[in-house]
Protein backbone atom coordinates (compact mmCIF):
# COMPACT_ATOMS: atom_id res chain seq x y z
CA MET A 1 8.91 -1.74 19.15
CA ASP A 2 11.98 -2.10 16.17
CA ILE A 3 12.86 0.80 14.77
CA GLY A 4 14.93 0.65 11.99
CA PRO A 5 17.74 3.44 10.49
CA ARG A 6 20.27 3.20 7.69
CA PHE A 7 23.13 4.02 7.46
CA ARG A 8 25.30 4.03 4.90
CA LEU A 9 28.31 1.78 4.11
CA PHE A 10 31.81 3.26 2.31
CA PRO A 11 33.76 -0.64 1.59
CA ASP A 12 36.62 -0.26 -0.30
CA GLY A 13 37.14 -2.22 -3.36
CA GLU A 14 38.44 -5.83 -1.86
CA GLN A 15 35.42 -5.72 0.37
CA ARG A 16 33.24 -4.75 -2.14
CA GLU A 17 34.11 -8.17 -4.16
CA SER A 18 33.87 -10.09 -0.87
CA LEU A 19 29.91 -8.46 0.34
CA ASN A 20 29.24 -8.93 -3.33
CA TRP A 21 30.69 -12.76 -2.79
CA VAL A 22 28.28 -13.23 0.31
CA ARG A 23 24.75 -11.64 -1.45
CA ASP A 24 25.56 -13.31 -4.56
CA THR A 25 25.86 -17.43 -2.45
CA MET A 26 22.86 -16.55 0.17
CA ARG A 27 21.37 -15.93 -3.61
CA GLN A 28 21.88 -19.36 -4.59
CA LEU A 29 21.19 -20.50 -1.02
CA ARG A 30 17.76 -19.21 -1.42
CA ASN A 31 16.96 -20.69 -4.75
CA HIS A 32 18.33 -24.30 -3.51
CA ALA A 33 16.51 -23.84 -0.46
CA LEU A 34 13.08 -23.20 -2.74
CA TYR A 35 14.13 -25.83 -5.07
CA ARG A 36 14.30 -28.43 -1.31
CA LEU A 37 11.02 -26.87 0.23
CA ASP A 38 8.73 -27.43 -3.38
CA ASN A 39 9.81 -31.53 -2.92
CA ILE A 40 8.71 -31.85 0.97
CA PRO A 41 5.14 -32.42 0.80
CA ASP A 42 2.47 -30.44 1.87
CA ASP A 43 1.09 -32.35 4.20
CA ALA A 44 4.34 -32.85 5.68
CA GLY A 45 3.23 -29.76 7.77
CA THR A 46 2.81 -26.18 7.96
CA VAL A 47 4.65 -23.53 5.96
CA ARG A 48 6.68 -22.52 8.33
CA GLN A 49 7.63 -26.15 9.71
CA ARG A 50 8.69 -26.82 6.27
CA VAL A 51 11.02 -24.00 6.10
CA MET A 52 12.65 -25.23 9.04
CA MET A 53 13.31 -28.80 8.05
CA VAL A 54 15.43 -26.53 4.98
CA ARG A 55 16.52 -24.81 7.30
CA ASP A 56 18.29 -27.85 9.67
CA GLU A 57 19.44 -29.60 6.95
CA LEU A 58 22.52 -26.40 6.90
CA PRO A 59 24.89 -28.43 8.51
CA ASP A 60 25.19 -31.34 5.99
CA LEU A 61 24.96 -29.01 3.11
CA LYS A 62 27.83 -27.74 4.00
CA HIS A 63 29.52 -31.19 3.54
CA TRP A 64 29.58 -30.87 0.30
CA TRP A 65 29.10 -26.89 -0.74
CA THR A 66 32.21 -25.85 1.21
CA ALA A 67 31.50 -21.69 0.03
CA LEU A 68 28.78 -21.72 3.60
CA ASP A 69 32.04 -22.46 5.86
CA ASN A 70 32.79 -18.81 4.67
CA VAL A 71 29.29 -17.44 5.30
CA TYR A 72 28.11 -16.42 8.95
CA SER A 73 25.74 -19.50 10.05
CA THR A 74 23.38 -17.17 11.28
CA VAL A 75 23.28 -15.19 7.93
CA SER A 76 22.60 -18.47 6.20
CA GLN A 77 20.40 -19.06 8.44
CA HIS A 78 18.09 -16.17 8.30
CA THR A 79 17.90 -16.23 4.77
CA VAL A 80 16.57 -19.48 4.54
CA GLU A 81 14.25 -18.78 6.88
CA GLN A 82 13.19 -15.19 4.58
CA ILE A 83 11.20 -17.63 2.80
CA HIS A 84 8.01 -17.74 5.57
CA HIS A 85 8.30 -14.50 5.72
CA ASP A 86 8.28 -13.58 1.83
CA ILE A 87 4.75 -16.48 1.90
CA THR A 88 3.60 -15.18 4.87
CA ASN A 89 3.36 -11.64 2.76
CA LEU A 90 2.52 -13.33 -0.88
CA GLY A 91 -0.66 -14.46 0.80
CA LYS A 92 -1.16 -11.49 3.03
CA GLN A 93 -2.00 -9.44 -0.98
CA LYS A 94 -3.56 -11.68 -2.46
CA ALA A 95 -5.95 -11.22 0.96
CA LYS A 96 -6.29 -7.56 -0.51
CA GLY A 97 -7.36 -8.45 -3.65
CA PHE A 98 -4.00 -8.81 -5.68
CA ASN A 99 -2.73 -11.44 -8.41
CA VAL A 100 0.13 -12.85 -6.98
CA GLY A 101 1.90 -16.01 -7.93
CA GLU A 102 4.59 -17.37 -6.08
CA LEU A 103 8.05 -17.02 -5.31
CA ASN A 104 10.56 -17.64 -7.61
CA TRP A 105 14.38 -18.39 -8.36
CA LYS A 106 16.64 -14.61 -7.51
CA LYS A 107 18.71 -13.58 -10.65
CA PRO A 108 22.01 -12.32 -9.42
CA ARG A 109 20.94 -8.54 -8.95
CA GLU A 110 17.48 -9.15 -8.19
CA PHE A 111 19.23 -10.12 -4.26
CA LYS A 112 20.23 -7.06 -2.55
CA SER A 113 21.02 -8.14 1.29
CA PHE A 114 21.89 -10.41 3.32
CA THR A 115 21.31 -10.29 7.32
CA TYR A 116 23.25 -10.44 10.80
CA ARG A 117 20.87 -11.71 13.79
CA GLN A 118 22.38 -11.19 17.01
CA ARG A 119 26.15 -11.49 16.59
CA GLY A 120 28.48 -11.46 14.02
CA PHE A 121 28.52 -7.61 14.27
CA GLU A 122 30.15 -4.28 16.05
CA LEU A 123 29.79 -0.75 16.07
CA ASP A 124 32.50 1.74 17.07
CA LYS A 125 31.43 4.82 16.78
CA LYS A 126 34.87 6.98 17.25
CA SER A 127 37.89 4.40 14.92
CA GLY A 128 36.85 4.99 11.50
CA PRO A 129 37.75 7.70 8.54
CA ARG A 130 37.19 11.27 8.87
CA ASP A 131 35.00 11.46 12.36
CA ARG A 132 32.94 8.03 10.62
CA GLY A 133 32.31 4.50 12.25
CA LEU A 134 33.48 1.38 11.95
CA LEU A 135 30.96 -1.56 11.53
CA THR A 136 32.93 -4.77 12.04
CA LEU A 137 31.16 -8.13 10.21
CA LYS A 138 32.19 -11.77 10.71
CA LYS A 139 32.90 -14.57 8.29
CA VAL A 140 32.28 -11.98 5.69
CA ARG A 141 34.29 -15.14 3.00
CA GLY A 142 35.57 -15.94 5.46
CA GLU A 143 37.27 -13.05 6.60
CA THR A 144 36.03 -10.28 8.99
CA LEU A 145 35.79 -6.78 7.85
CA ASP A 146 35.92 -3.10 9.02
CA ILE A 147 33.78 -0.87 6.88
CA PRO A 148 33.69 2.92 7.27
CA ILE A 149 29.98 4.18 7.84
CA LYS A 150 28.44 6.71 7.88
CA LEU A 151 26.38 7.85 11.49
CA HIS A 152 24.26 10.24 10.98
CA GLN A 153 22.05 9.14 14.05
CA ASP A 154 23.08 8.47 17.58
CA ILE A 155 22.68 5.19 18.52
CA ASN A 156 23.71 2.80 20.97
CA PRO A 157 25.31 -0.30 20.18
CA ASP A 158 24.25 -2.21 22.63
CA ASP A 159 20.41 -1.69 21.64
CA ILE A 160 21.29 -3.19 17.83
CA LYS A 161 19.33 -6.25 17.39
CA HIS A 162 20.15 -7.00 13.38
CA VAL A 163 22.36 -5.82 11.05
CA THR A 164 21.00 -6.07 7.17
CA VAL A 165 23.79 -5.30 4.42
CA LYS A 166 21.70 -3.98 0.98
CA ARG A 167 23.78 -3.53 -1.88
CA GLU A 168 21.49 -0.50 -3.97
CA ALA A 169 20.88 -0.70 -7.92
CA SER A 170 23.19 2.08 -7.96
CA GLY A 171 25.95 0.29 -6.36
CA ALA A 172 25.81 1.92 -3.22
CA TRP A 173 25.98 -0.34 0.16
CA TYR A 174 23.92 0.63 3.29
CA ALA A 175 23.37 -0.91 6.74
CA ALA A 176 20.24 -1.23 8.52
CA PHE A 177 20.43 -1.29 12.20
CA THR A 178 17.10 -3.12 13.92
CA ILE A 179 16.82 -1.16 16.84
CA GLU A 180 14.19 -2.68 19.65
CA GLN A 181 12.67 0.48 22.24
CA GLU A 182 10.69 0.93 24.02
CA THR A 183 6.95 1.95 22.71
CA PRO A 184 5.84 4.92 24.38
CA GLU A 185 1.55 5.16 25.45
CA LYS A 186 -0.39 6.18 23.80
CA PRO A 187 -3.04 9.13 25.28
CA GLU A 188 -6.29 7.60 26.20
CA PRO A 189 -9.25 8.72 23.74
CA ASP A 190 -11.77 10.37 26.56
CA GLU A 191 -8.13 12.07 27.47
CA ILE A 192 -7.48 14.50 23.87
CA ALA A 193 -9.45 17.28 23.35
CA ALA A 194 -10.18 17.87 20.25
CA ASP A 195 -7.82 20.93 19.59
CA GLY A 196 -5.15 18.58 19.54
CA THR A 197 -5.94 16.70 16.67
CA VAL A 198 -5.95 17.47 13.09
CA GLY A 199 -7.92 15.41 9.82
CA LEU A 200 -5.29 15.83 6.84
CA ASP A 201 -6.56 15.88 3.03
CA LEU A 202 -3.97 14.07 1.06
CA GLY A 203 -3.85 15.58 -2.74
CA ILE A 204 -1.24 16.18 -5.81
CA LEU A 205 -0.89 19.65 -6.33
CA ASN A 206 -0.99 20.15 -2.26
CA PHE A 207 0.54 17.24 -0.80
CA VAL A 208 -1.65 18.06 2.57
CA PHE A 209 -4.34 20.00 2.89
CA ASP A 210 -5.26 19.95 7.21
CA SER A 211 -7.83 20.16 9.29
CA ASP A 212 -5.84 23.77 10.49
CA GLY A 213 -5.01 25.52 7.55
CA ARG A 214 -2.13 24.11 6.12
CA ALA A 215 -1.95 23.22 2.26
CA ILE A 216 1.37 22.16 1.79
CA ASN A 217 3.09 21.83 -0.99
CA TRP A 218 4.36 18.74 -3.40
CA LEU A 219 8.35 18.61 -4.03
CA ASP A 220 9.14 19.77 -7.58
CA PHE A 221 10.86 16.54 -9.10
CA SER A 222 10.68 17.79 -13.11
CA THR A 223 15.09 18.53 -12.94
CA ASP A 224 15.07 14.70 -11.19
CA ARG A 225 12.50 13.71 -14.16
CA GLU A 226 14.56 15.42 -16.40
CA ARG A 227 18.11 14.26 -15.79
CA LEU A 228 16.45 10.73 -15.38
CA GLU A 229 14.84 10.91 -18.94
CA ARG A 230 19.05 11.62 -20.49
CA GLU A 231 20.49 9.66 -18.57
CA GLN A 232 17.35 6.93 -19.81
CA ARG A 233 18.47 7.63 -23.16
CA ALA A 234 22.25 7.62 -23.22
CA LEU A 235 21.58 3.63 -21.16
CA SER A 236 19.43 3.07 -24.34
CA ARG A 237 22.26 3.97 -26.87
CA LYS A 238 24.79 1.31 -25.10
CA ARG A 239 24.91 -2.59 -26.10
CA TYR A 240 23.28 -4.34 -23.51
CA GLU A 241 25.81 -5.71 -20.79
CA SER A 242 28.48 -4.30 -21.96
CA ARG A 243 30.43 -2.58 -19.16
CA ASN A 244 29.38 0.69 -20.37
CA TRP A 245 26.23 0.11 -20.15
CA GLU A 246 26.47 -1.66 -16.72
CA LYS A 247 27.92 2.15 -15.04
CA GLN A 248 25.31 3.85 -17.31
CA ARG A 249 22.90 1.15 -15.76
CA GLU A 250 23.97 2.61 -11.91
CA THR A 251 24.24 6.25 -13.03
CA VAL A 252 20.15 5.73 -14.08
CA ALA A 253 19.71 3.48 -10.86
CA GLN A 254 21.47 6.54 -9.21
CA VAL A 255 19.01 9.04 -10.41
CA HIS A 256 15.95 6.25 -8.43
CA LEU A 257 17.31 6.37 -5.48
CA ASP A 258 18.08 9.97 -5.46
CA MET A 259 14.57 10.71 -6.45
CA ARG A 260 13.57 8.01 -3.95
CA ASN A 261 15.16 9.41 -1.00
CA LYS A 262 14.20 13.04 -1.96
CA LYS A 263 10.59 11.74 -1.42
CA ARG A 264 10.80 9.72 1.84
CA ASP A 265 12.94 12.56 3.77
CA TYR A 266 9.93 14.70 2.63
CA TYR A 267 7.22 11.89 4.19
CA HIS A 268 9.48 11.16 7.53
CA LYS A 269 9.36 15.28 7.68
CA LEU A 270 5.79 15.71 7.63
CA ALA A 271 4.82 12.02 10.00
CA HIS A 272 7.54 13.63 12.47
CA PHE A 273 6.14 16.97 12.94
CA TYR A 274 2.14 15.76 12.81
CA THR A 275 2.78 12.82 15.46
CA THR A 276 4.63 14.94 17.54
CA ASN A 277 2.73 18.52 17.91
CA TYR A 278 -0.90 16.40 18.14
CA ASP A 279 -2.33 13.25 19.56
CA ALA A 280 -4.33 12.39 17.32
CA VAL A 281 -3.68 12.49 13.08
CA PHE A 282 -6.86 11.22 11.31
CA VAL A 283 -6.19 10.15 7.26
CA GLU A 284 -8.09 9.03 4.41
CA ASP A 285 -9.07 5.21 3.79
CA PHE A 286 -8.82 4.74 0.20
CA ASN A 287 -7.69 2.20 -1.90
CA ILE A 288 -4.48 3.09 -3.61
CA ARG A 289 -4.82 0.24 -6.36
CA ASP A 290 -8.17 1.30 -7.64
CA LEU A 291 -7.06 5.35 -7.91
CA PHE A 292 -3.34 3.75 -9.43
CA GLU A 293 -5.72 1.65 -12.00
CA GLY A 294 -8.07 4.87 -12.75
CA PRO A 295 -7.81 6.31 -16.20
CA ALA A 296 -6.70 9.95 -15.13
CA ASN A 297 -3.45 11.16 -13.71
CA ALA A 298 -1.76 7.24 -13.08
CA ARG A 299 1.36 8.88 -13.05
CA ASN A 300 1.29 11.71 -10.29
CA LYS A 301 -0.77 9.44 -8.11
CA GLN A 302 2.47 7.13 -8.47
CA GLU A 303 4.55 9.49 -8.19
CA VAL A 304 3.10 11.39 -4.77
CA ALA A 305 3.07 7.45 -2.91
CA TRP A 306 0.26 8.26 -0.34
CA GLY A 307 0.72 4.52 0.78
CA ASP A 308 4.40 4.58 2.01
CA PHE A 309 3.25 8.30 4.03
CA LYS A 310 0.51 6.46 5.57
CA ASP A 311 3.19 2.96 6.55
CA ILE A 312 5.45 6.28 7.49
CA LEU A 313 2.33 7.81 10.27
CA ASP A 314 2.58 4.70 11.16
CA TYR A 315 5.79 4.18 11.94
CA HIS A 316 6.11 7.72 13.68
CA GLY A 317 2.27 7.29 15.37
CA GLU A 318 3.98 4.00 17.18
CA LYS A 319 7.33 5.61 17.50
CA ASN A 320 5.83 9.31 18.77
CA ALA A 321 2.43 7.85 21.00
CA CYS A 322 0.51 10.10 18.33
CA HIS A 323 -2.96 7.95 17.38
CA VAL A 324 -2.78 7.61 13.52
CA VAL A 325 -7.02 6.79 12.59
CA GLU A 326 -8.37 5.73 9.13
CA VAL A 327 -11.05 7.62 8.32
CA PRO A 328 -13.56 6.31 5.43
CA ALA A 329 -12.42 8.76 2.33
CA TYR A 330 -16.29 8.65 0.94
CA ASN A 331 -17.75 11.89 0.13
CA THR A 332 -15.19 14.00 2.38
CA THR A 333 -14.86 16.15 -0.69
CA LYS A 334 -18.46 16.71 -1.62
CA GLU A 335 -20.42 16.59 1.48
CA CYS A 336 -20.63 20.65 2.67
CA HIS A 337 -18.79 20.41 6.50
CA ALA A 338 -21.09 23.21 7.55
CA CYS A 339 -24.74 20.52 6.94
CA GLY A 340 -23.94 17.66 5.38
CA VAL A 341 -25.36 18.46 2.23
CA GLU A 342 -23.82 16.48 -1.08
CA VAL A 343 -22.62 19.40 -3.10
CA GLU A 344 -20.83 17.69 -6.83
CA LYS A 345 -18.11 19.14 -8.28
CA PRO A 346 -15.57 18.37 -10.66
CA LEU A 347 -11.94 18.08 -9.90
CA TRP A 348 -10.75 21.55 -11.71
CA ALA A 349 -13.34 22.69 -8.97
CA ARG A 350 -11.05 24.06 -6.20
CA GLU A 351 -13.34 25.58 -4.10
CA HIS A 352 -16.25 24.47 -2.01
CA SER A 353 -19.93 26.17 -2.31
CA CYS A 354 -22.86 24.99 -0.72
CA PRO A 355 -25.70 26.21 -2.02
CA SER A 356 -27.66 24.91 1.27
CA CYS A 357 -26.57 27.17 3.93
CA GLY A 358 -23.52 29.54 1.87
CA PHE A 359 -20.47 28.03 3.41
CA GLU A 360 -17.31 29.12 0.99
CA THR A 361 -14.01 27.85 1.50
CA ASP A 362 -11.28 26.00 -0.06
CA ARG A 363 -12.59 22.02 -1.56
CA ASP A 364 -9.27 20.33 -0.35
CA TYR A 365 -9.75 22.27 3.87
CA ASN A 366 -13.39 21.06 3.18
CA ALA A 367 -12.48 17.73 2.86
CA ALA A 368 -10.48 17.09 5.75
CA LEU A 369 -13.02 19.28 7.82
CA ASN A 370 -14.65 16.00 7.47
CA VAL A 371 -11.74 13.93 7.39
CA LYS A 372 -10.78 15.52 11.02
CA ARG A 373 -15.36 15.20 12.37
CA ARG A 374 -15.22 11.05 11.46
CA GLY A 375 -11.86 11.18 12.75
CA LEU A 376 -13.24 12.08 16.01
CA GLN A 377 -15.89 10.53 15.57
CA ARG A 378 -14.22 6.89 15.07
CA LEU A 379 -12.38 7.59 18.64
CA GLY A 380 -15.92 7.93 20.67
CA LEU A 381 -15.21 11.58 20.89
CA GLY A 382 -18.40 12.41 19.33
CA GLN A 383 -18.42 15.30 16.74
CA SER A 384 -16.82 18.32 16.35
CA GLU A 385 -18.20 21.01 16.27
CA ALA A 386 -19.71 22.22 12.60
CA ALA A 387 -18.39 25.26 10.81
CA SER A 388 -20.77 27.37 11.08
CA VAL A 389 -21.96 30.35 8.39
CA GLU A 390 -21.53 32.64 10.79
CA THR A 391 -18.79 32.00 13.03
CA GLY A 392 -16.93 29.20 11.69
CA PRO A 393 -13.20 30.15 10.72
CA ALA A 394 -13.28 28.78 7.30
CA VAL A 395 -16.98 30.98 5.90
CA GLU A 396 -16.33 33.31 3.24
CA THR A 397 -12.11 32.37 1.33
CA ASP A 398 -11.89 36.11 0.55
CA ASP A 399 -11.47 36.53 4.46
CA THR A 400 -9.80 33.50 5.02
CA ARG A 401 -6.36 33.29 4.94
CA PHE A 402 -4.27 29.85 4.69
CA VAL A 403 -0.92 28.98 5.53
CA GLU A 404 0.61 27.59 2.47
CA VAL A 405 4.02 25.48 2.80
CA SER A 406 6.66 25.34 0.57
CA ALA A 407 8.11 21.91 -0.25
CA ARG A 408 11.54 22.97 0.60
CA SER A 409 10.61 24.58 3.92
CA VAL A 410 9.65 21.16 4.78
CA VAL A 411 13.48 19.44 3.41
CA GLU A 412 15.56 22.20 5.07
CA ALA A 413 12.91 21.46 8.75
CA GLU A 414 16.32 20.23 10.84
CA ILE A 415 15.68 17.49 13.45
CA PRO A 416 17.50 16.94 15.88
CA HIS A 417 17.69 13.80 18.12
CA GLY A 418 14.54 13.95 20.81
CA GLU A 419 13.72 18.09 19.66
CA ASN A 420 11.35 18.79 17.50
CA PRO A 421 11.44 22.25 15.83
CA GLY A 422 10.03 21.02 12.92
CA SER A 423 9.24 23.87 10.25
CA PRO A 424 9.00 27.41 11.38
CA THR A 425 6.40 27.90 8.65
CA LEU A 426 4.81 24.52 9.73
CA ASN A 427 4.20 25.71 13.05
CA GLU A 428 2.55 29.31 12.34
CA PRO A 429 -1.25 29.23 12.56
CA ALA A 430 -3.70 29.70 9.95
CA VAL A 431 -5.52 33.29 10.34
CA ALA A 432 -9.01 33.55 10.16
CA GLY A 433 -10.25 37.32 8.79
CA LYS A 434 -8.45 40.03 8.45
């Protein structure tokens, strides 16, 4: 499998100009490649074959477009070949029911990255200033650049396959390495014990409520939202595309980036905890697009970004040899875990109370138990033991204490390389009874 750690670059003023020059040249090359692709008849071959035809024109293109001589060859080739990847992704989105169009030409601010494949770069982990490494990039506007890089994670330079250099909207530069590593083997389903699995119910107030009784809070973005609104108001008062406007636009972009990084750090630490402490993790397979188009809580649903968390959970599942299984989300909240009777309840009702069997517990905990049971069935392990009204761990809400995990304890959890201490609060088991 491939992993993609990302590191911050610290180019000086001249290096920034050179990196921006390559980025804009590759933007123009991509736009030209789209123009050439549109002029090739559809019956000339598949999309990939036609894109390769455009790529094979690069040597002749350099005769009149001399700027391409100052860009490393694999960077230009990857820029053209990326068109096939983009068209393929559009097809996948269309198959899912999204209304997608065609690839369009990129404006200067819309094209953000370029990629070195296999060669044209070197990483020195020790030679940079202030205990930083150096990333060497060849043929950047015809020159070789040695750019300081902050290595927050130990990697072997010999394992790097590709390097993608990206400029964020805030003006910050990053290097994303594609590293190939051996995919660990997941345990066979018949080797997994029921207590080595967990069901996750995703929500808004509690981002995760799991079947082991943990209620993990969502991040608090109130301060970030206030800052964002303040900076956006300042941006609206600037003259469009003036120097002050551009400076303020980068400030607004930095606030967005800070919020995104905070969420992704939170997701990665949660996913790391679950995939290293369990052999199988079960989550609901819901249609995120329908949720966004619903009448209520659209902003909150978009902010929690369940789809991003599920993607990161899948990534950590492959990395840590853990089964990540999606189960049908239909009626996980309404269905009583003890007897299976559907209990109607409005959104504001946070308790599950079954009139048929008397089973009472937290609404989200009941859903997490149902998710786990369906996950065990999907793995072929049969049903998990249903909670008994007399002896079940979650009967009588007053006698059951769930573990409430603050978002701060998740964010502050350290994850040393090769170890998994997790968060002390996350590792604390739920307590049944006083």
